[in-house]
Amino acid sequence: MRFPERLKIGAHVYRVVVKKEMNESGTCDTEKCVIEIKKQKKTQMYATLFHEVIHAINIEVPHKEVEWISQGFFQVLHDNRIIKI
């Protein structure tokens, strides 16, 4: 599965940028419509992408909840081979 360069989230198209050096695993700038993901193992990159997409969908969701929702959702899709990495 190829890592996306763009994602349509709601009415917006987000640019997805993979960076070698970042302090965090990922960031989401809802004003600029940019998601940045740190270069790491593919499974970690996808889990981080799911996390940042949830932030893009609703920035008001508390970070702790975003973490368990994104990890759980990613694991279900990965374990059931809905996404193949």
Protein backbone atom coordinates (compact mmCIF):
# COMPACT_ATOMS: atom_id res chain seq x y z
CA MET A 1 0.00 0.00 0.00
CA ARG A 2 1.38 3.37 -1.07
CA PHE A 3 1.46 6.10 1.59
CA PRO A 4 -0.92 8.91 0.53
CA GLU A 5 0.34 12.34 -0.52
CA ARG A 6 -3.12 13.92 -0.26
CA LEU A 7 -6.31 13.12 1.64
CA LYS A 8 -9.77 14.62 1.29
CA ILE A 9 -11.07 15.19 4.81
CA GLY A 10 -14.50 16.76 4.91
CA ALA A 11 -14.59 19.65 2.46
CA HIS A 12 -10.79 20.06 2.43
CA VAL A 13 -7.86 18.41 0.70
CA TYR A 14 -4.95 17.89 3.08
CA ARG A 15 -1.39 17.57 1.88
CA VAL A 16 0.46 14.72 3.64
CA VAL A 17 4.18 15.35 4.07
CA VAL A 18 6.64 12.72 5.33
CA LYS A 19 9.64 14.21 7.12
CA LYS A 20 12.84 12.49 8.25
CA GLU A 21 13.33 14.76 11.25
CA MET A 22 10.51 15.81 13.58
CA ASN A 23 10.17 16.20 17.35
CA GLU A 24 6.78 14.45 17.26
CA SER A 25 5.43 11.46 15.33
CA GLY A 26 2.99 13.72 13.50
CA THR A 27 1.22 17.06 13.35
CA CYS A 28 -1.98 18.39 11.83
CA ASP A 29 -2.35 22.02 10.77
CA THR A 30 -6.07 22.51 10.15
CA GLU A 31 -5.59 26.09 8.89
CA LYS A 32 -3.03 25.17 6.22
CA CYS A 33 -4.56 21.70 5.59
CA VAL A 34 -1.22 19.95 6.09
CA ILE A 35 -0.50 16.72 7.93
CA GLU A 36 3.16 15.99 8.66
CA ILE A 37 4.28 12.45 9.50
CA LYS A 38 7.70 11.44 10.82
CA LYS A 39 9.53 8.82 8.69
CA GLN A 40 9.42 5.60 10.72
CA LYS A 41 8.20 2.01 10.33
CA LYS A 42 5.23 1.82 7.92
CA THR A 43 2.84 0.56 10.60
CA GLN A 44 3.81 3.47 12.86
CA MET A 45 3.38 5.94 10.01
CA TYR A 46 -0.14 4.68 9.25
CA ALA A 47 -1.13 4.66 12.92
CA THR A 48 0.12 8.25 13.19
CA LEU A 49 -1.72 9.20 10.01
CA PHE A 50 -4.99 7.85 11.48
CA HIS A 51 -4.30 9.87 14.62
CA GLU A 52 -3.76 13.10 12.67
CA VAL A 53 -6.85 12.48 10.49
CA ILE A 54 -8.98 12.30 13.64
CA HIS A 55 -7.54 15.67 14.69
CA ALA A 56 -8.41 17.05 11.23
CA ILE A 57 -11.97 15.75 11.50
CA ASN A 58 -12.53 17.22 14.96
CA ILE A 59 -9.83 19.27 16.64
CA GLU A 60 -11.92 19.38 19.85
CA VAL A 61 -11.49 15.65 20.63
CA PRO A 62 -9.09 15.35 23.60
CA HIS A 63 -5.65 14.05 22.64
CA LYS A 64 -5.85 11.01 24.94
CA GLU A 65 -9.09 9.91 23.25
CA VAL A 66 -7.65 10.49 19.77
CA GLU A 67 -4.78 8.17 20.69
CA TRP A 68 -6.85 5.14 21.70
CA ILE A 69 -9.41 5.63 18.91
CA SER A 70 -6.72 5.86 16.21
CA GLN A 71 -4.69 2.92 17.56
CA GLY A 72 -7.77 0.74 17.90
CA PHE A 73 -9.15 1.62 14.48
CA PHE A 74 -5.78 1.06 12.81
CA GLN A 75 -5.34 -2.31 14.53
CA VAL A 76 -8.78 -3.57 13.44
CA LEU A 77 -8.14 -2.56 9.81
CA HIS A 78 -4.62 -3.98 9.81
CA ASP A 79 -5.41 -7.25 11.64
CA ASN A 80 -8.34 -7.97 9.33
CA ARG A 81 -6.26 -7.17 6.24
CA ILE A 82 -8.50 -4.32 5.18
CA ILE A 83 -5.31 -2.30 4.82
CA LYS A 84 -2.19 -4.17 3.83
CA ILE A 85 1.14 -2.69 4.75
